[in-house]
N, C-alpha and C. Protein backbone atom coordinates (compact mmCIF):
# COMPACT_ATOMS: atom_id res chain seq x y z
N MET A 1 -3.13 -13.88 15.26
CA MET A 1 -4.56 -14.00 15.41
C MET A 1 -5.23 -12.98 14.49
N MET A 2 -6.05 -13.41 13.57
CA MET A 2 -6.70 -12.53 12.64
C MET A 2 -7.85 -11.78 13.36
N GLY A 3 -7.92 -10.49 13.14
CA GLY A 3 -9.03 -9.72 13.67
C GLY A 3 -8.92 -9.35 15.13
N ALA A 4 -7.82 -9.71 15.78
CA ALA A 4 -7.70 -9.43 17.22
C ALA A 4 -7.66 -7.95 17.52
N ALA A 5 -7.16 -7.15 16.60
CA ALA A 5 -7.05 -5.70 16.85
C ALA A 5 -8.29 -4.99 16.30
N ARG A 6 -9.22 -5.70 15.75
CA ARG A 6 -10.39 -5.05 15.13
C ARG A 6 -11.60 -5.18 16.07
N SER A 7 -12.37 -4.12 16.17
CA SER A 7 -13.58 -4.14 16.97
C SER A 7 -14.78 -4.46 16.06
N TYR A 8 -15.56 -5.42 16.45
CA TYR A 8 -16.73 -5.80 15.67
C TYR A 8 -18.02 -5.42 16.40
N ALA A 9 -19.06 -5.23 15.61
CA ALA A 9 -20.33 -4.87 16.18
C ALA A 9 -20.81 -6.04 17.06
N PRO A 10 -21.47 -5.73 18.16
CA PRO A 10 -21.89 -6.78 19.09
C PRO A 10 -23.08 -7.60 18.56
N LYS A 11 -23.70 -7.08 17.50
CA LYS A 11 -24.91 -7.74 16.99
C LYS A 11 -24.93 -7.65 15.46
N LEU A 12 -25.38 -8.73 14.83
CA LEU A 12 -25.49 -8.75 13.39
C LEU A 12 -26.88 -9.26 13.03
N ASP A 13 -27.64 -8.44 12.31
CA ASP A 13 -28.95 -8.85 11.86
C ASP A 13 -28.90 -9.26 10.39
N VAL A 14 -29.40 -10.43 10.13
CA VAL A 14 -29.42 -10.94 8.74
C VAL A 14 -30.87 -11.26 8.38
N THR A 15 -31.32 -10.69 7.29
CA THR A 15 -32.70 -10.91 6.83
C THR A 15 -32.61 -11.91 5.67
N LEU A 16 -33.20 -13.06 5.87
CA LEU A 16 -33.21 -14.09 4.81
C LEU A 16 -34.55 -14.04 4.10
N PRO A 17 -34.53 -14.03 2.78
CA PRO A 17 -35.81 -13.99 2.06
C PRO A 17 -36.53 -15.33 2.14
N PRO A 18 -37.83 -15.29 2.16
CA PRO A 18 -38.58 -16.54 2.11
C PRO A 18 -38.34 -17.24 0.77
N MET A 19 -38.60 -18.52 0.70
CA MET A 19 -38.45 -19.26 -0.57
C MET A 19 -39.56 -18.87 -1.51
N ARG A 20 -40.70 -18.48 -0.97
CA ARG A 20 -41.85 -18.13 -1.80
C ARG A 20 -42.66 -17.06 -1.03
N PHE A 21 -43.19 -16.11 -1.77
CA PHE A 21 -44.05 -15.08 -1.21
C PHE A 21 -45.50 -15.34 -1.57
N ARG A 22 -46.39 -14.81 -0.76
CA ARG A 22 -47.85 -15.00 -1.04
C ARG A 22 -48.21 -14.35 -2.37
N THR A 23 -47.67 -13.15 -2.60
CA THR A 23 -47.99 -12.42 -3.81
C THR A 23 -46.74 -11.78 -4.37
N ALA A 24 -46.79 -11.39 -5.65
CA ALA A 24 -45.69 -10.68 -6.26
C ALA A 24 -45.47 -9.35 -5.57
N GLN A 25 -46.54 -8.73 -5.14
CA GLN A 25 -46.42 -7.44 -4.42
C GLN A 25 -45.65 -7.59 -3.12
N ASP A 26 -45.95 -8.67 -2.39
CA ASP A 26 -45.20 -8.93 -1.14
C ASP A 26 -43.72 -9.13 -1.42
N ARG A 27 -43.42 -9.87 -2.49
CA ARG A 27 -42.03 -10.12 -2.88
C ARG A 27 -41.34 -8.81 -3.25
N ASP A 28 -42.01 -8.03 -4.08
CA ASP A 28 -41.42 -6.78 -4.54
C ASP A 28 -41.20 -5.83 -3.40
N ARG A 29 -42.13 -5.77 -2.47
CA ARG A 29 -42.01 -4.87 -1.29
C ARG A 29 -40.81 -5.32 -0.43
N PHE A 30 -40.67 -6.65 -0.22
CA PHE A 30 -39.58 -7.17 0.58
C PHE A 30 -38.24 -6.76 -0.01
N PHE A 31 -38.09 -6.94 -1.33
CA PHE A 31 -36.81 -6.62 -1.96
C PHE A 31 -36.62 -5.12 -2.11
N ALA A 32 -37.69 -4.37 -2.26
CA ALA A 32 -37.53 -2.88 -2.27
C ALA A 32 -36.99 -2.40 -0.93
N ASP A 33 -37.52 -3.00 0.15
CA ASP A 33 -37.05 -2.63 1.49
C ASP A 33 -35.58 -3.00 1.67
N ARG A 34 -35.14 -4.17 1.19
CA ARG A 34 -33.73 -4.59 1.29
C ARG A 34 -32.86 -3.65 0.47
N ALA A 35 -33.34 -3.26 -0.70
CA ALA A 35 -32.57 -2.33 -1.57
C ALA A 35 -32.41 -0.98 -0.88
N GLU A 36 -33.48 -0.50 -0.25
CA GLU A 36 -33.38 0.77 0.49
C GLU A 36 -32.41 0.66 1.65
N GLU A 37 -32.40 -0.42 2.35
CA GLU A 37 -31.41 -0.65 3.45
C GLU A 37 -30.01 -0.58 2.88
N SER A 38 -29.80 -1.25 1.75
CA SER A 38 -28.47 -1.27 1.14
C SER A 38 -28.03 0.13 0.70
N ARG A 39 -28.94 0.89 0.12
CA ARG A 39 -28.64 2.26 -0.28
C ARG A 39 -28.22 3.08 0.94
N ARG A 40 -28.97 2.98 2.02
CA ARG A 40 -28.62 3.73 3.25
C ARG A 40 -27.24 3.30 3.75
N HIS A 41 -26.98 2.02 3.73
CA HIS A 41 -25.71 1.47 4.22
C HIS A 41 -24.53 2.06 3.38
N PHE A 42 -24.68 2.11 2.09
CA PHE A 42 -23.59 2.58 1.24
C PHE A 42 -23.56 4.08 1.07
N ASP A 43 -24.69 4.70 0.95
CA ASP A 43 -24.73 6.13 0.58
C ASP A 43 -24.26 7.05 1.69
N GLN A 44 -24.46 6.69 2.96
CA GLN A 44 -23.99 7.58 4.02
C GLN A 44 -22.46 7.76 3.97
N PRO A 45 -21.69 6.65 3.91
CA PRO A 45 -20.25 6.85 3.82
C PRO A 45 -19.80 7.44 2.50
N ILE A 46 -20.51 7.18 1.42
CA ILE A 46 -20.18 7.81 0.14
C ILE A 46 -20.33 9.32 0.26
N ARG A 47 -21.44 9.78 0.80
CA ARG A 47 -21.67 11.22 0.96
C ARG A 47 -20.61 11.84 1.88
N ALA A 48 -20.25 11.12 2.96
CA ALA A 48 -19.29 11.66 3.90
C ALA A 48 -17.91 11.81 3.21
N ASN A 49 -17.54 10.81 2.41
CA ASN A 49 -16.24 10.89 1.72
C ASN A 49 -16.26 11.94 0.63
N LYS A 50 -17.37 12.07 -0.07
CA LYS A 50 -17.45 13.12 -1.08
C LYS A 50 -17.31 14.48 -0.46
N GLY A 51 -17.82 14.65 0.77
CA GLY A 51 -17.69 15.93 1.47
C GLY A 51 -16.27 16.25 1.89
N MET A 52 -15.46 15.23 2.05
CA MET A 52 -14.08 15.43 2.48
C MET A 52 -13.09 15.47 1.34
N CYS A 53 -13.48 14.99 0.16
CA CYS A 53 -12.55 14.86 -0.96
C CYS A 53 -12.68 16.02 -1.93
N ARG A 54 -11.57 16.41 -2.47
CA ARG A 54 -11.58 17.40 -3.56
C ARG A 54 -11.75 16.61 -4.87
N SER A 55 -12.27 17.25 -5.87
CA SER A 55 -12.48 16.57 -7.15
C SER A 55 -11.19 16.21 -7.87
N ASP A 56 -10.09 16.88 -7.48
CA ASP A 56 -8.79 16.58 -8.10
C ASP A 56 -7.95 15.54 -7.36
N GLU A 57 -8.51 14.94 -6.29
CA GLU A 57 -7.79 13.93 -5.52
C GLU A 57 -8.13 12.54 -6.12
N PHE A 58 -7.21 12.04 -6.93
CA PHE A 58 -7.49 10.78 -7.64
C PHE A 58 -7.76 9.62 -6.65
N GLY A 59 -6.93 9.49 -5.64
CA GLY A 59 -7.08 8.37 -4.68
C GLY A 59 -8.42 8.41 -4.00
N CYS A 60 -8.82 9.56 -3.61
CA CYS A 60 -10.12 9.75 -2.94
C CYS A 60 -11.28 9.47 -3.88
N GLN A 61 -11.18 9.97 -5.11
CA GLN A 61 -12.23 9.74 -6.08
C GLN A 61 -12.31 8.25 -6.47
N HIS A 62 -11.14 7.60 -6.50
CA HIS A 62 -11.11 6.17 -6.80
C HIS A 62 -11.81 5.40 -5.67
N MET A 63 -11.58 5.74 -4.46
CA MET A 63 -12.21 5.10 -3.30
C MET A 63 -13.73 5.26 -3.39
N ILE A 64 -14.21 6.48 -3.70
CA ILE A 64 -15.64 6.72 -3.83
C ILE A 64 -16.21 5.87 -4.97
N ALA A 65 -15.49 5.81 -6.08
CA ALA A 65 -15.97 5.01 -7.22
C ALA A 65 -16.10 3.51 -6.82
N GLU A 66 -15.16 3.04 -6.04
CA GLU A 66 -15.21 1.63 -5.59
C GLU A 66 -16.40 1.41 -4.65
N MET A 67 -16.68 2.37 -3.79
CA MET A 67 -17.85 2.27 -2.91
C MET A 67 -19.12 2.27 -3.72
N GLU A 68 -19.19 3.12 -4.73
CA GLU A 68 -20.38 3.18 -5.59
C GLU A 68 -20.50 1.89 -6.37
N ARG A 69 -19.41 1.33 -6.82
CA ARG A 69 -19.42 0.04 -7.54
C ARG A 69 -19.97 -1.06 -6.63
N ALA A 70 -19.51 -1.12 -5.39
CA ALA A 70 -19.97 -2.13 -4.44
C ALA A 70 -21.46 -1.99 -4.19
N ARG A 71 -21.95 -0.73 -4.05
CA ARG A 71 -23.36 -0.48 -3.87
C ARG A 71 -24.19 -0.99 -5.06
N ASP A 72 -23.72 -0.65 -6.26
CA ASP A 72 -24.42 -1.03 -7.46
C ASP A 72 -24.43 -2.56 -7.63
N GLU A 73 -23.34 -3.24 -7.29
CA GLU A 73 -23.31 -4.70 -7.36
C GLU A 73 -24.28 -5.32 -6.37
N GLU A 74 -24.37 -4.73 -5.18
CA GLU A 74 -25.32 -5.27 -4.19
C GLU A 74 -26.76 -5.07 -4.66
N LEU A 75 -27.05 -3.92 -5.23
CA LEU A 75 -28.41 -3.68 -5.73
C LEU A 75 -28.73 -4.61 -6.90
N ALA A 76 -27.78 -4.90 -7.76
CA ALA A 76 -27.98 -5.82 -8.87
C ALA A 76 -28.18 -7.24 -8.33
N ARG A 77 -27.44 -7.62 -7.29
CA ARG A 77 -27.61 -8.93 -6.67
C ARG A 77 -29.00 -9.08 -6.11
N LEU A 78 -29.49 -8.07 -5.42
CA LEU A 78 -30.83 -8.13 -4.86
C LEU A 78 -31.90 -8.22 -5.96
N GLU A 79 -31.71 -7.52 -7.07
CA GLU A 79 -32.64 -7.60 -8.15
C GLU A 79 -32.68 -8.98 -8.79
N LYS A 80 -31.52 -9.60 -8.94
CA LYS A 80 -31.46 -10.97 -9.51
C LYS A 80 -32.18 -11.95 -8.54
N LEU A 81 -31.97 -11.75 -7.26
CA LEU A 81 -32.61 -12.59 -6.26
C LEU A 81 -34.14 -12.41 -6.27
N ARG A 82 -34.56 -11.14 -6.43
CA ARG A 82 -36.00 -10.85 -6.53
C ARG A 82 -36.62 -11.57 -7.73
N GLU A 83 -35.93 -11.48 -8.85
CA GLU A 83 -36.41 -12.11 -10.07
C GLU A 83 -36.50 -13.65 -9.94
N ALA A 84 -35.59 -14.24 -9.18
CA ALA A 84 -35.51 -15.68 -9.02
C ALA A 84 -36.45 -16.19 -7.92
N THR A 85 -37.02 -15.31 -7.14
CA THR A 85 -37.85 -15.75 -5.99
C THR A 85 -39.32 -15.83 -6.44
N LEU A 86 -39.94 -16.93 -6.12
CA LEU A 86 -41.28 -17.19 -6.58
C LEU A 86 -42.34 -16.46 -5.73
N ALA A 87 -43.44 -16.17 -6.41
CA ALA A 87 -44.63 -15.67 -5.72
C ALA A 87 -45.74 -16.65 -6.04
N SER A 88 -46.58 -16.99 -5.08
CA SER A 88 -47.68 -17.90 -5.34
C SER A 88 -48.66 -17.27 -6.32
N PRO A 89 -49.17 -18.04 -7.24
CA PRO A 89 -50.11 -17.51 -8.20
C PRO A 89 -51.44 -17.12 -7.57
């Protein structure tokens, strides 16, 4: 059974963007808020790991680099979605 030994959060919140925003400012604010949430989600564990790792620990530094890459990919994904989402004229 997959995941049987793993504990999952009892609640998952998903924010779906509207198909169209009233204004470009509303759209930009929505995506800026999502980007800030993503930064908080990624940056807290990155900071925690940086605090525990020495600069000469390759494995640890590699893990941090992967976490930073995942954060940057998520922020780029949000930016592409913002650019593709319409605002009413």
